[in-house]
């Protein structure tokens, strides 16, 4: 068996190291790179504001009790559809009825007193006429004549006093009868009963405030109360198109038109509240209405709202990934394009409308040019040459 000499060992080791070095050098990545480009074409620009909203009925009414007493009967329950002037509830009216009856009796008594006093006045007038004839014939004294005149004036004054009491009593009686009527509660509007706050047998106290019995809302038309961040509110104007989806149905879009922008933040963000912490977003309320004939939308549903603030059709568009704004130059931006020789060129361009992904190009670029949107490192191995 032949011996392996040290000289041959070291020679083999050096040869292996040299081959490994050339192999590594030939296969490592090149320092160069190639560009990722997009061909410029025409398209549409849609600028919008997104926000979260809450659905509320356009018209809703809290129906309360104007008199105190026990609820004897509730004629509706939540979910019922009611018509205007439909009977909703009845409150125990026994005390109110007694008050009305007593008032009517008092009125009858006053009318009877007026009749009696008119008879007294008639008699006083006859006595006065007799005293005048006697006085003219020197048969009676002037004192008796004046006494008869005074008696007639007193009788007429009592009549006027009683008539004033009747007017006062009639006014009170109208109030008592109105309160008696309030014991039967009718629907002020047509709509759907969305909640019932009281129960049969419950005693209501309307002395200091009006207790709510139920709520009625017209669900055929809803209002979306949209919270728009202060950074976006200046882009929103009345008359803009707004659409939304609900959390329960992301595939259906409802549309409306912005009808009002509330210029005061909600109470939690009001001017009377402490100054907001740095970084806290202030929201402003934007309202728009939507038809809900099928009652698919319910009060207090959360909505994902999109308000269309601007749009342009069939214009040259460039992705924002390939554009760089020029500081303090407004709508002047930088863009890099590949020329015919494959070299990149820096262009200064003017942009118009913007959306979240692209911008309208007004000048500086042409349709069909290759816009550089990124660089991809060249990882292709070099060809190994001995």
Protein backbone atom coordinates (compact mmCIF):
# COMPACT_ATOMS: atom_id res chain seq x y z
CA UNK A 1 0.00 0.00 0.00
CA UNK A 2 1.47 3.41 -1.14
CA UNK A 3 2.08 6.05 1.49
CA UNK A 4 0.41 9.49 1.13
CA UNK A 5 3.25 12.02 1.44
CA UNK A 6 2.78 15.36 3.30
CA UNK A 7 3.77 17.27 0.20
CA UNK A 8 1.00 15.66 -1.83
CA UNK A 9 -1.48 16.36 0.98
CA UNK A 10 -0.73 20.08 1.08
CA UNK A 11 -0.85 20.30 -2.71
CA UNK A 12 -4.34 18.74 -2.78
CA UNK A 13 -5.59 21.04 -0.01
CA UNK A 14 -4.41 24.15 -1.86
CA UNK A 15 -6.04 22.98 -5.08
CA UNK A 16 -9.39 22.45 -3.32
CA UNK A 17 -9.25 25.92 -1.69
CA UNK A 18 -8.43 27.57 -5.03
CA UNK A 19 -11.36 25.85 -6.76
CA UNK A 20 -13.74 26.87 -3.92
CA UNK A 21 -12.58 30.50 -4.16
CA UNK A 22 -13.21 30.73 -7.90
CA UNK A 23 -16.57 28.99 -7.52
CA UNK A 24 -17.69 31.48 -4.82
CA UNK A 25 -16.47 34.44 -6.84
CA UNK A 26 -18.29 33.28 -9.94
CA UNK A 27 -21.62 32.61 -8.28
CA UNK A 28 -22.05 35.55 -5.87
CA UNK A 29 -24.68 38.24 -6.66
CA UNK A 30 -23.71 41.26 -8.71
CA UNK A 31 -23.90 44.68 -7.14
CA UNK A 32 -26.20 45.91 -9.93
CA UNK A 33 -30.03 46.03 -9.87
CA UNK A 34 -32.96 46.25 -12.26
CA UNK A 35 -36.07 48.45 -12.11
CA UNK A 36 -39.68 47.53 -11.45
CA UNK A 37 -41.81 49.64 -13.79
CA UNK A 38 -45.44 50.31 -14.61
CA UNK A 39 -46.69 51.47 -17.99
CA UNK A 40 -48.64 54.72 -17.73
CA UNK A 41 -52.24 54.44 -18.92
CA UNK A 42 -55.49 56.36 -18.61
CA UNK A 43 -58.00 55.53 -15.93
CA UNK A 44 -60.30 56.95 -13.26
CA UNK A 45 -59.44 58.80 -10.07
CA UNK A 46 -61.87 58.51 -7.18
CA UNK A 47 -61.09 60.54 -4.06
CA UNK A 48 -63.10 59.73 -0.96
CA UNK A 49 -63.32 60.02 2.80
CA UNK A 50 -64.04 56.95 4.88
CA UNK A 51 -65.63 57.03 8.31
CA UNK A 52 -67.81 55.14 10.76
CA UNK A 53 -71.47 56.06 11.21
CA UNK A 54 -74.58 55.09 13.14
CA UNK A 55 -78.10 54.70 11.78
CA UNK A 56 -80.97 56.63 13.37
CA UNK A 57 -84.56 57.17 12.18
CA UNK A 58 -85.19 60.52 10.49
CA UNK A 59 -88.31 60.91 12.61
CA UNK A 60 -88.68 59.42 16.06
CA UNK A 61 -90.88 60.37 19.02
CA UNK A 62 -90.71 59.56 22.71
CA UNK A 63 -94.27 59.04 23.90
CA UNK A 64 -94.69 59.97 27.56
CA UNK A 65 -97.36 60.37 30.20
CA UNK A 66 -98.52 63.88 31.16
CA UNK A 67 -100.47 62.66 34.19
CA UNK A 68 -99.55 60.50 37.16
CA UNK A 69 -101.23 57.19 37.84
CA UNK A 70 -101.12 53.46 37.31
CA UNK A 71 -100.94 52.04 33.80
CA UNK A 72 -104.08 50.00 33.38
CA UNK A 73 -103.53 48.83 29.81
CA UNK A 74 -100.79 48.78 27.17
CA UNK A 75 -102.26 48.17 23.73
CA UNK A 76 -98.96 47.77 21.82
CA UNK A 77 -95.61 46.11 22.17
CA UNK A 78 -92.17 46.59 20.62
CA UNK A 79 -92.18 45.95 16.89
CA UNK A 80 -95.84 46.85 16.32
CA UNK A 81 -96.68 49.19 13.46
CA UNK A 82 -99.08 51.92 14.59
CA UNK A 83 -101.06 54.66 12.86
CA UNK A 84 -101.38 58.26 13.97
CA UNK A 85 -104.05 58.75 16.70
CA UNK A 86 -104.11 55.02 17.51
CA UNK A 87 -104.74 54.24 21.21
CA UNK A 88 -101.48 53.12 22.83
CA UNK A 89 -102.06 53.04 26.59
CA UNK A 90 -104.57 53.84 29.34
CA UNK A 91 -103.76 55.27 32.76
CA UNK A 92 -106.04 55.04 35.82
CA UNK A 93 -108.23 58.14 35.58
CA UNK A 94 -110.51 57.74 38.63
CA UNK A 95 -109.00 60.71 40.50
CA UNK A 96 -109.01 62.84 37.36
CA UNK A 97 -112.60 61.91 36.63
CA UNK A 98 -113.62 62.88 40.15
CA UNK A 99 -111.93 66.26 39.73
CA UNK A 100 -113.77 66.85 36.47
CA UNK A 101 -117.10 65.86 37.99
CA UNK A 102 -116.54 68.20 40.94
CA UNK A 103 -115.68 71.02 38.56
CA UNK A 104 -118.84 70.47 36.56
CA UNK A 105 -120.91 70.58 39.77
CA UNK A 106 -119.19 73.82 40.78
CA UNK A 107 -120.02 75.33 37.40
CA UNK A 108 -123.67 74.32 37.76
CA UNK A 109 -123.73 75.97 41.18
CA UNK A 110 -122.29 79.21 39.79
CA UNK A 111 -124.79 79.28 36.95
CA UNK A 112 -127.59 78.81 39.49
CA UNK A 113 -126.24 81.71 41.56
CA UNK A 114 -126.17 83.89 38.48
CA UNK A 115 -129.81 83.06 37.77
CA UNK A 116 -130.74 83.88 41.35
CA UNK A 117 -128.80 87.11 41.29
CA UNK A 118 -130.39 88.16 38.02
CA UNK A 119 -133.79 87.71 39.66
CA UNK A 120 -132.60 89.86 42.57
CA UNK A 121 -131.42 92.47 40.10
CA UNK A 122 -134.75 92.40 38.28
CA UNK A 123 -136.58 92.92 41.58
CA UNK A 124 -134.21 95.77 42.49
CA UNK A 125 -134.92 97.41 39.14
CA UNK A 126 -138.68 97.25 39.77
CA UNK A 127 -138.27 98.76 43.24
CA UNK A 128 -136.14 101.52 41.81
CA UNK A 129 -138.77 102.34 39.17
CA UNK A 130 -141.46 102.51 41.87
CA UNK A 131 -139.34 104.78 44.06
CA UNK A 132 -138.77 107.13 41.12
CA UNK A 133 -142.51 107.50 40.49
CA UNK A 134 -143.16 108.07 44.18
CA UNK A 135 -140.36 110.59 44.41
CA UNK A 136 -141.77 112.52 41.45
CA UNK A 137 -145.09 112.75 43.32
CA UNK A 138 -143.36 113.84 46.52
CA UNK A 139 -144.65 110.71 48.21
CA UNK A 140 -141.22 109.23 49.16
CA UNK A 141 -137.90 110.64 50.26
CA UNK A 142 -134.75 111.07 48.23
CA UNK A 143 -132.98 108.74 50.66
CA UNK A 144 -135.25 105.81 49.76
CA UNK A 145 -134.73 106.54 46.06
CA UNK A 146 -130.94 106.47 46.47
CA UNK A 147 -131.19 103.27 48.48
CA UNK A 148 -133.11 101.60 45.64
CA UNK A 149 -130.53 102.78 43.11
CA UNK A 150 -127.70 101.34 45.25
CA UNK A 151 -129.51 98.00 45.65
CA UNK A 152 -129.74 97.65 41.84
CA UNK A 153 -126.05 98.47 41.37
CA UNK A 154 -125.04 95.91 44.01
CA UNK A 155 -127.20 93.24 42.35
CA UNK A 156 -125.61 93.92 38.94
CA UNK A 157 -122.11 93.86 40.49
CA UNK A 158 -122.80 90.46 42.05
CA UNK A 159 -123.89 89.19 38.65
CA UNK A 160 -120.61 90.38 37.08
CA UNK A 161 -118.66 88.81 39.95
CA UNK A 162 -120.37 85.45 39.47
CA UNK A 163 -119.87 85.58 35.70
CA UNK A 164 -116.12 86.18 36.26
CA UNK A 165 -116.05 83.18 38.59
CA UNK A 166 -117.74 81.13 35.88
CA UNK A 167 -115.07 82.12 33.34
CA UNK A 168 -112.35 81.19 35.83
CA UNK A 169 -114.04 77.90 36.67
CA UNK A 170 -114.56 77.07 32.99
CA UNK A 171 -110.86 77.66 32.34
CA UNK A 172 -109.93 75.35 35.20
CA UNK A 173 -112.48 72.85 33.97
CA UNK A 174 -110.88 72.78 30.50
CA UNK A 175 -107.54 72.00 32.11
CA UNK A 176 -109.03 69.23 34.24
CA UNK A 177 -110.78 67.70 31.24
CA UNK A 178 -107.55 67.93 29.22
CA UNK A 179 -105.72 66.05 32.00
CA UNK A 180 -108.48 63.46 31.96
CA UNK A 181 -107.95 63.09 28.22
CA UNK A 182 -104.21 62.57 28.80
CA UNK A 183 -105.05 59.38 30.68
CA UNK A 184 -105.64 57.82 27.26
CA UNK A 185 -102.41 58.04 25.26
CA UNK A 186 -102.60 58.11 21.45
CA UNK A 187 -99.88 57.80 18.81
CA UNK A 188 -98.66 61.28 17.75
CA UNK A 189 -97.23 59.91 14.48
CA UNK A 190 -97.40 56.79 12.35
CA UNK A 191 -94.48 54.40 12.62
CA UNK A 192 -93.02 51.39 14.38
CA UNK A 193 -92.82 50.94 18.13
CA UNK A 194 -89.06 50.51 18.61
CA UNK A 195 -89.09 50.22 22.41
CA UNK A 196 -91.49 50.01 25.36
CA UNK A 197 -90.17 51.56 28.57
CA UNK A 198 -93.10 50.83 30.92
CA UNK A 199 -95.29 47.88 31.93
CA UNK A 200 -98.91 47.35 32.80
CA UNK A 201 -99.48 47.94 36.52
CA UNK A 202 -96.55 50.36 36.78
CA UNK A 203 -97.26 53.65 38.56
CA UNK A 204 -96.06 56.76 36.78
CA UNK A 205 -95.12 60.03 38.47
CA UNK A 206 -95.38 62.97 36.06
CA UNK A 207 -95.01 65.67 38.73
CA UNK A 208 -91.44 66.76 37.93
CA UNK A 209 -90.77 65.22 34.51
CA UNK A 210 -92.60 63.37 31.79
CA UNK A 211 -91.98 59.63 32.12
CA UNK A 212 -91.38 57.86 28.81
CA UNK A 213 -93.72 54.96 28.05
CA UNK A 214 -92.55 53.98 24.57
CA UNK A 215 -90.75 55.20 21.45
CA UNK A 216 -92.16 55.36 17.93
CA UNK A 217 -90.00 55.80 14.83
CA UNK A 218 -90.63 56.02 11.11
CA UNK A 219 -88.23 53.37 9.80
CA UNK A 220 -89.00 54.02 6.13
CA UNK A 221 -86.23 56.64 6.04
CA UNK A 222 -83.02 56.60 8.05
CA UNK A 223 -80.28 59.12 8.78
CA UNK A 224 -76.62 58.11 8.93
CA UNK A 225 -74.82 60.05 11.66
CA UNK A 226 -71.24 59.90 10.41
CA UNK A 227 -68.16 60.75 12.48
CA UNK A 228 -65.63 62.38 10.14
CA UNK A 229 -62.13 63.11 11.45
CA UNK A 230 -60.99 66.73 11.58
CA UNK A 231 -58.27 65.96 9.03
CA UNK A 232 -60.96 65.10 6.44
CA UNK A 233 -63.89 67.33 7.36
CA UNK A 234 -62.81 70.24 5.14
CA UNK A 235 -62.99 67.98 2.10
CA UNK A 236 -66.64 67.14 2.75
CA UNK A 237 -69.36 69.42 1.35
CA UNK A 238 -73.15 69.34 1.31
CA UNK A 239 -74.51 67.62 -1.79
CA UNK A 240 -71.69 65.05 -2.07
CA UNK A 241 -72.58 61.43 -2.73
CA UNK A 242 -72.22 59.11 0.26
CA UNK A 243 -72.54 55.34 0.44
CA UNK A 244 -72.21 52.78 3.20
CA UNK A 245 -72.30 49.14 4.12
CA UNK A 246 -73.33 47.53 7.38
CA UNK A 247 -71.34 45.08 9.43
CA UNK A 248 -73.98 42.45 8.77
CA UNK A 249 -74.03 42.92 4.98
CA UNK A 250 -70.74 43.96 3.41
CA UNK A 251 -71.96 43.22 -0.13
CA UNK A 252 -74.89 45.67 -0.27
CA UNK A 253 -74.26 49.39 -0.68
CA UNK A 254 -76.79 52.04 0.29
CA UNK A 255 -76.45 55.53 -1.14
CA UNK A 256 -77.49 59.03 -0.14
CA UNK A 257 -76.49 62.68 -0.40
CA UNK A 258 -74.83 64.71 2.36
CA UNK A 259 -77.50 67.13 3.61
CA UNK A 260 -75.87 68.68 6.67
CA UNK A 261 -72.51 69.11 8.39
CA UNK A 262 -72.68 69.87 12.10
CA UNK A 263 -69.97 72.41 12.79
CA UNK A 264 -69.77 71.65 16.50
CA UNK A 265 -68.16 68.37 17.64
CA UNK A 266 -70.28 65.98 19.72
CA UNK A 267 -70.60 66.82 23.45
CA UNK A 268 -67.56 64.76 24.41
CA UNK A 269 -65.49 66.94 22.07
CA UNK A 270 -67.33 70.21 22.77
CA UNK A 271 -65.59 73.52 23.34
CA UNK A 272 -66.70 73.46 26.97
CA UNK A 273 -64.86 70.20 27.52
CA UNK A 274 -61.18 70.16 28.53
CA UNK A 275 -58.67 70.48 25.73
CA UNK A 276 -58.09 67.09 24.06
CA UNK A 277 -54.89 65.26 24.68
CA UNK A 278 -52.24 65.48 22.01
CA UNK A 279 -52.90 62.95 19.28
CA UNK A 280 -56.60 62.57 20.05
CA UNK A 281 -58.77 62.78 16.95
CA UNK A 282 -61.66 65.26 16.97
CA UNK A 283 -64.69 64.10 14.97
CA UNK A 284 -67.41 66.17 13.31
CA UNK A 285 -70.87 64.86 12.47
CA UNK A 286 -72.02 64.58 8.85
CA UNK A 287 -75.65 63.66 8.13
CA UNK A 288 -77.20 62.04 5.09
CA UNK A 289 -80.49 60.19 4.56
CA UNK A 290 -81.28 56.88 2.90
CA UNK A 291 -84.53 55.17 1.95
CA UNK A 292 -85.42 52.09 3.99
CA UNK A 293 -88.74 50.93 2.57
CA UNK A 294 -87.95 47.27 3.30
CA UNK A 295 -86.92 48.07 6.92
CA UNK A 296 -83.65 46.20 6.41
CA UNK A 297 -81.80 48.96 8.27
CA UNK A 298 -82.39 49.20 12.00
CA UNK A 299 -81.66 51.99 14.51
CA UNK A 300 -78.14 52.12 15.98
CA UNK A 301 -76.61 49.87 13.33
CA UNK A 302 -72.93 50.60 12.70
CA UNK A 303 -72.09 51.64 9.14
CA UNK A 304 -68.87 51.90 7.15
CA UNK A 305 -69.28 55.13 5.21
CA UNK A 306 -67.53 56.35 2.07
CA UNK A 307 -68.08 59.97 0.98
CA UNK A 308 -67.07 60.72 -2.62
CA UNK A 309 -65.19 64.04 -2.46
CA UNK A 310 -63.78 64.22 -6.03
CA UNK A 311 -63.44 62.15 -9.19
CA UNK A 312 -62.01 62.26 -12.72
CA UNK A 313 -62.62 59.83 -15.59
CA UNK A 314 -60.32 58.76 -18.41
CA UNK A 315 -57.26 60.76 -17.31
CA UNK A 316 -53.57 59.84 -17.24
CA UNK A 317 -52.90 58.23 -13.86
CA UNK A 318 -49.69 57.30 -12.09
CA UNK A 319 -49.36 55.12 -9.01
CA UNK A 320 -48.26 56.98 -5.91
CA UNK A 321 -45.55 54.39 -5.35
CA UNK A 322 -43.57 55.99 -8.21
CA UNK A 323 -44.04 59.62 -7.17
CA UNK A 324 -42.21 61.79 -4.65
CA UNK A 325 -43.59 65.19 -3.54
CA UNK A 326 -41.33 68.21 -3.88
CA UNK A 327 -41.12 70.09 -0.61
CA UNK A 328 -43.12 73.34 -0.54
CA UNK A 329 -44.12 72.96 -4.21
CA UNK A 330 -47.79 72.06 -3.82
CA UNK A 331 -48.80 69.85 -6.74
CA UNK A 332 -45.27 69.55 -8.18
CA UNK A 333 -43.82 66.05 -7.73
CA UNK A 334 -40.82 64.02 -8.92
CA UNK A 335 -41.05 60.85 -11.03
CA UNK A 336 -38.46 58.50 -12.55
CA UNK A 337 -39.01 56.91 -15.94
CA UNK A 338 -37.02 54.63 -18.24
CA UNK A 339 -35.99 56.12 -21.57
CA UNK A 340 -35.64 54.22 -24.84
CA UNK A 341 -32.12 53.09 -23.91
CA UNK A 342 -33.22 51.65 -20.58
CA UNK A 343 -31.71 54.42 -18.48
CA UNK A 344 -33.71 56.11 -15.72
CA UNK A 345 -34.61 59.80 -15.97
CA UNK A 346 -35.81 62.14 -13.25
CA UNK A 347 -38.88 64.20 -14.24
CA UNK A 348 -40.69 67.04 -12.51
CA UNK A 349 -44.42 66.65 -13.04
CA UNK A 350 -47.69 68.36 -12.09
CA UNK A 351 -50.46 66.30 -10.53
CA UNK A 352 -54.17 67.01 -10.06
CA UNK A 353 -56.64 64.85 -8.19
CA UNK A 354 -55.45 62.18 -5.78
CA UNK A 355 -56.92 59.02 -4.36
CA UNK A 356 -55.39 56.47 -2.03
CA UNK A 357 -53.40 54.69 -4.75
CA UNK A 358 -52.84 56.97 -7.72
CA UNK A 359 -52.66 60.57 -8.93
CA UNK A 360 -53.90 62.39 -12.01
CA UNK A 361 -50.92 63.53 -14.15
CA UNK A 362 -51.43 66.97 -15.69
CA UNK A 363 -48.00 67.33 -17.35
CA UNK A 364 -44.50 65.90 -17.33
CA UNK A 365 -45.41 62.33 -18.30
CA UNK A 366 -47.01 60.72 -21.35
CA UNK A 367 -49.18 57.69 -21.87
CA UNK A 368 -47.14 54.55 -22.54
CA UNK A 369 -44.01 55.64 -20.67
CA UNK A 370 -42.48 53.29 -18.13
CA UNK A 371 -42.72 54.73 -14.62
CA UNK A 372 -40.23 53.33 -12.11
CA UNK A 373 -42.01 52.23 -8.96
CA UNK A 374 -39.18 50.27 -7.33
CA UNK A 375 -35.88 48.47 -7.72
CA UNK A 376 -35.28 44.72 -7.69
CA UNK A 377 -31.73 43.53 -6.85
CA UNK A 378 -30.08 41.51 -9.64
CA UNK A 379 -29.41 38.07 -8.10
CA UNK A 380 -28.48 36.31 -11.37
CA UNK A 381 -25.06 34.52 -11.06
CA UNK A 382 -22.20 35.81 -13.13
CA UNK A 383 -20.86 33.57 -15.84
CA UNK A 384 -17.66 32.00 -14.64
CA UNK A 385 -14.70 32.55 -16.96
CA UNK A 386 -11.38 30.79 -16.41
